[in-house]
Amino acid sequence: MTRKLKRTGQIWIRVFPDLGVSQKPAEVRMGKGKGQINHWVCPVKKGQILFEINGVSASLALQAVQLAQHKLPLKTQFIQNF
């Protein structure tokens, strides 16, 4: 998105991966506590805003968001607020 906007305007990312998912190594016996953190995730609920764009035209913001939509594993939509 920043490349499409050519470093103009501002982009806010409204989600942050703050939930750690732990996993024990393969072939380890049960018990002995919880495993180490394997990766971080961010649960996204329906209707949650992912990105905000300010300082560019609506058509350019729509093009940038459409590029990002193709890379996301969920269905998204563009909402314009004046």
PDB file of N, CA and C in Angstrom:
ATOM      1  N   MET A   1       0.821  -1.190   0.000  1.00  0.00           N
ATOM      2  CA  MET A   1       0.000   0.000   0.000  1.00  0.00           C
ATOM      3  C   MET A   1       0.863   1.251   0.000  1.00  0.00           C
ATOM      4  N   THR A   2       1.972   1.241   0.754  1.00  0.00           N
ATOM      5  CA  THR A   2       2.816   2.434   0.800  1.00  0.00           C
ATOM      6  C   THR A   2       3.482   2.693  -0.542  1.00  0.00           C
ATOM      7  N   ARG A   3       3.787   1.638  -1.266  1.00  0.00           N
ATOM      8  CA  ARG A   3       4.389   1.841  -2.595  1.00  0.00           C
ATOM      9  C   ARG A   3       3.381   2.437  -3.572  1.00  0.00           C
ATOM     10  N   LYS A   4       2.132   2.009  -3.473  1.00  0.00           N
ATOM     11  CA  LYS A   4       1.091   2.546  -4.342  1.00  0.00           C
ATOM     12  C   LYS A   4       0.829   4.014  -4.018  1.00  0.00           C
ATOM     13  N   LEU A   5       0.875   4.370  -2.744  1.00  0.00           N
ATOM     14  CA  LEU A   5       0.643   5.755  -2.344  1.00  0.00           C
ATOM     15  C   LEU A   5       1.883   6.620  -2.529  1.00  0.00           C
ATOM     16  N   LYS A   6       3.000   6.009  -2.885  1.00  0.00           N
ATOM     17  CA  LYS A   6       4.271   6.704  -3.137  1.00  0.00           C
ATOM     18  C   LYS A   6       4.694   7.555  -1.947  1.00  0.00           C
ATOM     19  N   ARG A   7       4.536   6.972  -0.747  1.00  0.00           N
ATOM     20  CA  ARG A   7       4.964   7.574   0.513  1.00  0.00           C
ATOM     21  C   ARG A   7       4.230   8.889   0.840  1.00  0.00           C
ATOM     22  N   THR A   8       3.082   9.106   0.221  1.00  0.00           N
ATOM     23  CA  THR A   8       2.280  10.286   0.544  1.00  0.00           C
ATOM     24  C   THR A   8       1.138   9.867   1.460  1.00  0.00           C
ATOM     25  N   GLY A   9       0.586  10.778   2.182  1.00  0.00           N
ATOM     26  CA  GLY A   9      -0.508  10.467   3.081  1.00  0.00           C
ATOM     27  C   GLY A   9      -0.033   9.667   4.289  1.00  0.00           C
ATOM     28  N   GLN A  10      -0.985   9.168   5.056  1.00  0.00           N
ATOM     29  CA  GLN A  10      -0.671   8.373   6.238  1.00  0.00           C
ATOM     30  C   GLN A  10      -1.483   7.086   6.215  1.00  0.00           C
ATOM     31  N   ILE A  11      -0.867   6.004   6.699  1.00  0.00           N
ATOM     32  CA  ILE A  11      -1.543   4.715   6.813  1.00  0.00           C
ATOM     33  C   ILE A  11      -1.437   4.269   8.260  1.00  0.00           C
ATOM     34  N   TRP A  12      -2.567   3.965   8.876  1.00  0.00           N
ATOM     35  CA  TRP A  12      -2.585   3.416  10.230  1.00  0.00           C
ATOM     36  C   TRP A  12      -3.013   1.963  10.148  1.00  0.00           C
ATOM     37  N   ILE A  13      -2.245   1.096  10.776  1.00  0.00           N
ATOM     38  CA  ILE A  13      -2.602  -0.312  10.871  1.00  0.00           C
ATOM     39  C   ILE A  13      -3.292  -0.499  12.221  1.00  0.00           C
ATOM     40  N   ARG A  14      -4.544  -0.882  12.208  1.00  0.00           N
ATOM     41  CA  ARG A  14      -5.350  -0.928  13.423  1.00  0.00           C
ATOM     42  C   ARG A  14      -5.305  -2.269  14.147  1.00  0.00           C
ATOM     43  N   VAL A  15      -4.595  -3.245  13.605  1.00  0.00           N
ATOM     44  CA  VAL A  15      -4.488  -4.551  14.255  1.00  0.00           C
ATOM     45  C   VAL A  15      -3.033  -4.790  14.635  1.00  0.00           C
ATOM     46  N   PHE A  16      -2.823  -5.508  15.731  1.00  0.00           N
ATOM     47  CA  PHE A  16      -1.475  -5.811  16.185  1.00  0.00           C
ATOM     48  C   PHE A  16      -1.455  -7.232  16.742  1.00  0.00           C
ATOM     49  N   PRO A  17      -0.478  -8.053  16.334  1.00  0.00           N
ATOM     50  CA  PRO A  17      -0.423  -9.433  16.842  1.00  0.00           C
ATOM     51  C   PRO A  17       0.083  -9.469  18.281  1.00  0.00           C
ATOM     52  N   ASP A  18      -0.835  -9.526  19.232  1.00  0.00           N
ATOM     53  CA  ASP A  18      -0.446  -9.499  20.635  1.00  0.00           C
ATOM     54  C   ASP A  18      -0.864 -10.759  21.394  1.00  0.00           C
ATOM     55  N   LEU A  19      -1.269 -11.798  20.675  1.00  0.00           N
ATOM     56  CA  LEU A  19      -1.673 -13.052  21.298  1.00  0.00           C
ATOM     57  C   LEU A  19      -0.689 -14.141  20.887  1.00  0.00           C
ATOM     58  N   GLY A  20       0.051 -14.646  21.849  1.00  0.00           N
ATOM     59  CA  GLY A  20       1.059 -15.661  21.564  1.00  0.00           C
ATOM     60  C   GLY A  20       0.447 -17.050  21.506  1.00  0.00           C
ATOM     61  N   VAL A  21       0.861 -17.842  20.512  1.00  0.00           N
ATOM     62  CA  VAL A  21       0.410 -19.218  20.368  1.00  0.00           C
ATOM     63  C   VAL A  21       1.584 -20.121  20.691  1.00  0.00           C
ATOM     64  N   SER A  22       1.402 -20.968  21.699  1.00  0.00           N
ATOM     65  CA  SER A  22       2.500 -21.835  22.124  1.00  0.00           C
ATOM     66  C   SER A  22       2.359 -23.211  21.477  1.00  0.00           C
ATOM     67  N   GLN A  23       3.493 -23.887  21.345  1.00  0.00           N
ATOM     68  CA  GLN A  23       3.499 -25.212  20.747  1.00  0.00           C
ATOM     69  C   GLN A  23       4.688 -25.987  21.307  1.00  0.00           C
ATOM     70  N   LYS A  24       4.438 -27.212  21.673  1.00  0.00           N
ATOM     71  CA  LYS A  24       5.511 -28.064  22.173  1.00  0.00           C
ATOM     72  C   LYS A  24       6.229 -28.690  20.982  1.00  0.00           C
ATOM     73  N   PRO A  25       7.506 -29.010  21.116  1.00  0.00           N
ATOM     74  CA  PRO A  25       8.234 -29.648  20.021  1.00  0.00           C
ATOM     75  C   PRO A  25       7.637 -30.997  19.646  1.00  0.00           C
ATOM     76  N   ALA A  26       7.961 -31.481  18.471  1.00  0.00           N
ATOM     77  CA  ALA A  26       7.460 -32.765  18.001  1.00  0.00           C
ATOM     78  C   ALA A  26       8.053 -33.901  18.832  1.00  0.00           C
ATOM     79  N   GLU A  27       7.255 -34.946  19.010  1.00  0.00           N
ATOM     80  CA  GLU A  27       7.661 -36.170  19.716  1.00  0.00           C
ATOM     81  C   GLU A  27       8.073 -35.916  21.161  1.00  0.00           C
ATOM     82  N   VAL A  28       7.352 -35.051  21.850  1.00  0.00           N
ATOM     83  CA  VAL A  28       7.586 -34.793  23.267  1.00  0.00           C
ATOM     84  C   VAL A  28       6.410 -35.384  24.034  1.00  0.00           C
ATOM     85  N   ARG A  29       6.686 -36.022  25.147  1.00  0.00           N
ATOM     86  CA  ARG A  29       5.639 -36.650  25.935  1.00  0.00           C
ATOM     87  C   ARG A  29       4.718 -35.602  26.559  1.00  0.00           C
ATOM     88  N   MET A  30       3.536 -36.061  26.916  1.00  0.00           N
ATOM     89  CA  MET A  30       2.539 -35.180  27.522  1.00  0.00           C
ATOM     90  C   MET A  30       2.996 -34.728  28.899  1.00  0.00           C
ATOM     91  N   GLY A  31       2.481 -33.603  29.350  1.00  0.00           N
ATOM     92  CA  GLY A  31       2.824 -33.075  30.653  1.00  0.00           C
ATOM     93  C   GLY A  31       4.010 -32.140  30.586  1.00  0.00           C
ATOM     94  N   LYS A  32       4.613 -31.857  31.693  1.00  0.00           N
ATOM     95  CA  LYS A  32       5.797 -31.005  31.809  1.00  0.00           C
ATOM     96  C   LYS A  32       5.525 -29.552  31.399  1.00  0.00           C
ATOM     97  N   GLY A  33       4.297 -29.103  31.556  1.00  0.00           N
ATOM     98  CA  GLY A  33       4.005 -27.688  31.346  1.00  0.00           C
ATOM     99  C   GLY A  33       3.700 -27.310  29.907  1.00  0.00           C
ATOM    100  N   LYS A  34       3.556 -26.022  29.724  1.00  0.00           N
ATOM    101  CA  LYS A  34       3.193 -25.464  28.429  1.00  0.00           C
ATOM    102  C   LYS A  34       4.430 -25.278  27.569  1.00  0.00           C
ATOM    103  N   GLY A  35       4.265 -25.346  26.257  1.00  0.00           N
ATOM    104  CA  GLY A  35       5.385 -25.160  25.342  1.00  0.00           C
ATOM    105  C   GLY A  35       5.739 -23.696  25.171  1.00  0.00           C
ATOM    106  N   GLN A  36       6.797 -23.459  24.415  1.00  0.00           N
ATOM    107  CA  GLN A  36       7.232 -22.083  24.164  1.00  0.00           C
ATOM    108  C   GLN A  36       6.370 -21.437  23.086  1.00  0.00           C
ATOM    109  N   ILE A  37       6.414 -20.122  23.038  1.00  0.00           N
ATOM    110  CA  ILE A  37       5.626 -19.391  22.041  1.00  0.00           C
ATOM    111  C   ILE A  37       6.203 -19.663  20.661  1.00  0.00           C
ATOM    112  N   ASN A  38       5.339 -20.126  19.781  1.00  0.00           N
ATOM    113  CA  ASN A  38       5.749 -20.464  18.423  1.00  0.00           C
ATOM    114  C   ASN A  38       5.557 -19.284  17.478  1.00  0.00           C
ATOM    115  N   HIS A  39       4.408 -18.621  17.560  1.00  0.00           N
ATOM    116  CA  HIS A  39       4.142 -17.457  16.718  1.00  0.00           C
ATOM    117  C   HIS A  39       3.095 -16.564  17.389  1.00  0.00           C
ATOM    118  N   TRP A  40       2.933 -15.376  16.857  1.00  0.00           N
ATOM    119  CA  TRP A  40       1.996 -14.384  17.385  1.00  0.00           C
ATOM    120  C   TRP A  40       0.855 -14.218  16.396  1.00  0.00           C
ATOM    121  N   VAL A  41      -0.360 -14.044  16.905  1.00  0.00           N
ATOM    122  CA  VAL A  41      -1.527 -13.877  16.050  1.00  0.00           C
ATOM    123  C   VAL A  41      -2.351 -12.681  16.525  1.00  0.00           C
ATOM    124  N   CYS A  42      -3.235 -12.256  15.654  1.00  0.00           N
ATOM    125  CA  CYS A  42      -4.170 -11.191  15.971  1.00  0.00           C
ATOM    126  C   CYS A  42      -5.557 -11.655  15.548  1.00  0.00           C
ATOM    127  N   PRO A  43      -6.434 -11.967  16.487  1.00  0.00           N
ATOM    128  CA  PRO A  43      -7.783 -12.373  16.098  1.00  0.00           C
ATOM    129  C   PRO A  43      -8.550 -11.178  15.524  1.00  0.00           C
ATOM    130  N   VAL A  44      -9.088 -11.342  14.326  1.00  0.00           N
ATOM    131  CA  VAL A  44      -9.825 -10.272  13.648  1.00  0.00           C
ATOM    132  C   VAL A  44     -11.300 -10.642  13.655  1.00  0.00           C
ATOM    133  N   LYS A  45     -12.106  -9.773  14.236  1.00  0.00           N
ATOM    134  CA  LYS A  45     -13.543 -10.014  14.314  1.00  0.00           C
ATOM    135  C   LYS A  45     -14.242  -9.395  13.107  1.00  0.00           C
ATOM    136  N   LYS A  46     -15.434  -9.863  12.848  1.00  0.00           N
ATOM    137  CA  LYS A  46     -16.221  -9.340  11.741  1.00  0.00           C
ATOM    138  C   LYS A  46     -16.555  -7.871  11.994  1.00  0.00           C
ATOM    139  N   GLY A  47     -16.319  -7.024  11.011  1.00  0.00           N
ATOM    140  CA  GLY A  47     -16.613  -5.604  11.133  1.00  0.00           C
ATOM    141  C   GLY A  47     -15.470  -4.775  11.688  1.00  0.00           C
ATOM    142  N   GLN A  48     -14.338  -5.388  11.968  1.00  0.00           N
ATOM    143  CA  GLN A  48     -13.206  -4.661  12.535  1.00  0.00           C
ATOM    144  C   GLN A  48     -12.444  -3.923  11.432  1.00  0.00           C
ATOM    145  N   ILE A  49     -12.017  -2.705  11.720  1.00  0.00           N
ATOM    146  CA  ILE A  49     -11.265  -1.905  10.755  1.00  0.00           C
ATOM    147  C   ILE A  49      -9.802  -2.321  10.817  1.00  0.00           C
ATOM    148  N   LEU A  50      -9.216  -2.647   9.659  1.00  0.00           N
ATOM    149  CA  LEU A  50      -7.834  -3.100   9.607  1.00  0.00           C
ATOM    150  C   LEU A  50      -6.869  -1.967   9.303  1.00  0.00           C
ATOM    151  N   PHE A  51      -7.212  -1.115   8.344  1.00  0.00           N
ATOM    152  CA  PHE A  51      -6.324  -0.027   7.918  1.00  0.00           C
ATOM    153  C   PHE A  51      -7.112   1.272   7.818  1.00  0.00           C
ATOM    154  N   GLU A  52      -6.415   2.366   8.067  1.00  0.00           N
ATOM    155  CA  GLU A  52      -6.968   3.700   7.830  1.00  0.00           C
ATOM    156  C   GLU A  52      -5.979   4.459   6.971  1.00  0.00           C
ATOM    157  N   ILE A  53      -6.491   5.181   5.990  1.00  0.00           N
ATOM    158  CA  ILE A  53      -5.643   5.967   5.086  1.00  0.00           C
ATOM    159  C   ILE A  53      -6.130   7.400   5.103  1.00  0.00           C
ATOM    160  N   ASN A  54      -5.177   8.345   5.171  1.00  0.00           N
ATOM    161  CA  ASN A  54      -5.517   9.763   5.226  1.00  0.00           C
ATOM    162  C   ASN A  54      -4.517  10.529   4.369  1.00  0.00           C
ATOM    163  N   GLY A  55      -4.963  11.601   3.746  1.00  0.00           N
ATOM    164  CA  GLY A  55      -4.065  12.495   3.029  1.00  0.00           C
ATOM    165  C   GLY A  55      -3.905  12.201   1.552  1.00  0.00           C
ATOM    166  N   VAL A  56      -4.699  11.283   0.999  1.00  0.00           N
ATOM    167  CA  VAL A  56      -4.644  10.993  -0.433  1.00  0.00           C
ATOM    168  C   VAL A  56      -6.063  11.004  -0.983  1.00  0.00           C
ATOM    169  N   SER A  57      -6.191  11.003  -2.288  1.00  0.00           N
ATOM    170  CA  SER A  57      -7.516  11.014  -2.899  1.00  0.00           C
ATOM    171  C   SER A  57      -8.199   9.662  -2.684  1.00  0.00           C
ATOM    172  N   ALA A  58      -9.517   9.664  -2.799  1.00  0.00           N
ATOM    173  CA  ALA A  58     -10.290   8.444  -2.565  1.00  0.00           C
ATOM    174  C   ALA A  58      -9.990   7.384  -3.608  1.00  0.00           C
ATOM    175  N   SER A  59      -9.770   7.786  -4.852  1.00  0.00           N
ATOM    176  CA  SER A  59      -9.491   6.807  -5.907  1.00  0.00           C
ATOM    177  C   SER A  59      -8.132   6.142  -5.694  1.00  0.00           C
ATOM    178  N   LEU A  60      -7.133   6.910  -5.266  1.00  0.00           N
ATOM    179  CA  LEU A  60      -5.814   6.339  -5.002  1.00  0.00           C
ATOM    180  C   LEU A  60      -5.843   5.436  -3.767  1.00  0.00           C
ATOM    181  N   ALA A  61      -6.610   5.824  -2.766  1.00  0.00           N
ATOM    182  CA  ALA A  61      -6.743   4.983  -1.570  1.00  0.00           C
ATOM    183  C   ALA A  61      -7.446   3.674  -1.910  1.00  0.00           C
ATOM    184  N   LEU A  62      -8.454   3.721  -2.777  1.00  0.00           N
ATOM    185  CA  LEU A  62      -9.159   2.518  -3.194  1.00  0.00           C
ATOM    186  C   LEU A  62      -8.228   1.566  -3.934  1.00  0.00           C
ATOM    187  N   GLN A  63      -7.382   2.093  -4.800  1.00  0.00           N
ATOM    188  CA  GLN A  63      -6.424   1.250  -5.524  1.00  0.00           C
ATOM    189  C   GLN A  63      -5.430   0.595  -4.570  1.00  0.00           C
ATOM    190  N   ALA A  64      -4.968   1.344  -3.584  1.00  0.00           N
ATOM    191  CA  ALA A  64      -4.014   0.800  -2.618  1.00  0.00           C
ATOM    192  C   ALA A  64      -4.656  -0.286  -1.765  1.00  0.00           C
ATOM    193  N   VAL A  65      -5.894  -0.076  -1.353  1.00  0.00           N
ATOM    194  CA  VAL A  65      -6.583  -1.069  -0.529  1.00  0.00           C
ATOM    195  C   VAL A  65      -6.892  -2.316  -1.339  1.00  0.00           C
ATOM    196  N   GLN A  66      -7.214  -2.169  -2.610  1.00  0.00           N
ATOM    197  CA  GLN A  66      -7.471  -3.339  -3.445  1.00  0.00           C
ATOM    198  C   GLN A  66      -6.219  -4.194  -3.615  1.00  0.00           C
ATOM    199  N   LEU A  67      -5.051  -3.579  -3.657  1.00  0.00           N
ATOM    200  CA  LEU A  67      -3.807  -4.349  -3.702  1.00  0.00           C
ATOM    201  C   LEU A  67      -3.609  -5.139  -2.410  1.00  0.00           C
ATOM    202  N   ALA A  68      -3.962  -4.536  -1.287  1.00  0.00           N
ATOM    203  CA  ALA A  68      -3.816  -5.217  -0.002  1.00  0.00           C
ATOM    204  C   ALA A  68      -4.869  -6.314   0.167  1.00  0.00           C
ATOM    205  N   GLN A  69      -6.062  -6.116  -0.386  1.00  0.00           N
ATOM    206  CA  GLN A  69      -7.130  -7.103  -0.254  1.00  0.00           C
ATOM    207  C   GLN A  69      -6.757  -8.435  -0.889  1.00  0.00           C
ATOM    208  N   HIS A  70      -6.009  -8.407  -1.965  1.00  0.00           N
ATOM    209  CA  HIS A  70      -5.627  -9.645  -2.653  1.00  0.00           C
ATOM    210  C   HIS A  70      -4.657 -10.475  -1.817  1.00  0.00           C
ATOM    211  N   LYS A  71      -3.941  -9.853  -0.900  1.00  0.00           N
ATOM    212  CA  LYS A  71      -2.962 -10.562  -0.079  1.00  0.00           C
ATOM    213  C   LYS A  71      -3.528 -11.057   1.248  1.00  0.00           C
ATOM    214  N   LEU A  72      -4.726 -10.626   1.603  1.00  0.00           N
ATOM    215  CA  LEU A  72      -5.321 -11.022   2.884  1.00  0.00           C
ATOM    216  C   LEU A  72      -6.139 -12.304   2.718  1.00  0.00           C
ATOM    217  N   PRO A  73      -6.110 -13.198   3.715  1.00  0.00           N
ATOM    218  CA  PRO A  73      -6.848 -14.461   3.610  1.00  0.00           C
ATOM    219  C   PRO A  73      -8.311 -14.368   4.049  1.00  0.00           C
ATOM    220  N   LEU A  74      -8.899 -13.196   3.999  1.00  0.00           N
ATOM    221  CA  LEU A  74     -10.284 -13.026   4.396  1.00  0.00           C
ATOM    222  C   LEU A  74     -10.957 -12.016   3.486  1.00  0.00           C
ATOM    223  N   LYS A  75     -12.278 -12.017   3.507  1.00  0.00           N
ATOM    224  CA  LYS A  75     -13.034 -11.106   2.661  1.00  0.00           C
ATOM    225  C   LYS A  75     -13.082  -9.730   3.305  1.00  0.00           C
ATOM    226  N   THR A  76     -12.737  -8.687   2.567  1.00  0.00           N
ATOM    227  CA  THR A  76     -12.723  -7.328   3.090  1.00  0.00           C
ATOM    228  C   THR A  76     -13.506  -6.402   2.169  1.00  0.00           C
ATOM    229  N   GLN A  77     -13.805  -5.216   2.668  1.00  0.00           N
ATOM    230  CA  GLN A  77     -14.469  -4.211   1.856  1.00  0.00           C
ATOM    231  C   GLN A  77     -13.895  -2.837   2.182  1.00  0.00           C
ATOM    232  N   PHE A  78     -14.029  -1.924   1.240  1.00  0.00           N
ATOM    233  CA  PHE A  78     -13.525  -0.560   1.361  1.00  0.00           C
ATOM    234  C   PHE A  78     -14.638   0.329   1.875  1.00  0.00           C
ATOM    235  N   ILE A  79     -14.398   1.021   2.985  1.00  0.00           N
ATOM    236  CA  ILE A  79     -15.373   1.924   3.566  1.00  0.00           C
ATOM    237  C   ILE A  79     -14.808   3.324   3.526  1.00  0.00           C
ATOM    238  N   GLN A  80     -15.578   4.256   2.965  1.00  0.00           N
ATOM    239  CA  GLN A  80     -15.128   5.637   2.848  1.00  0.00           C
ATOM    240  C   GLN A  80     -15.893   6.489   3.841  1.00  0.00           C
ATOM    241  N   ASN A  81     -15.171   7.255   4.667  1.00  0.00           N
ATOM    242  CA  ASN A  81     -15.783   8.119   5.653  1.00  0.00           C
ATOM    243  C   ASN A  81     -15.288   9.543   5.417  1.00  0.00           C
ATOM    244  N   PHE A  82     -16.178  10.504   5.385  1.00  0.00           N
ATOM    245  CA  PHE A  82     -15.771  11.878   5.110  1.00  0.00           C
ATOM    246  C   PHE A  82     -15.500  12.626   6.354  1.00  0.00           C
TER     247      PHE A  82
END
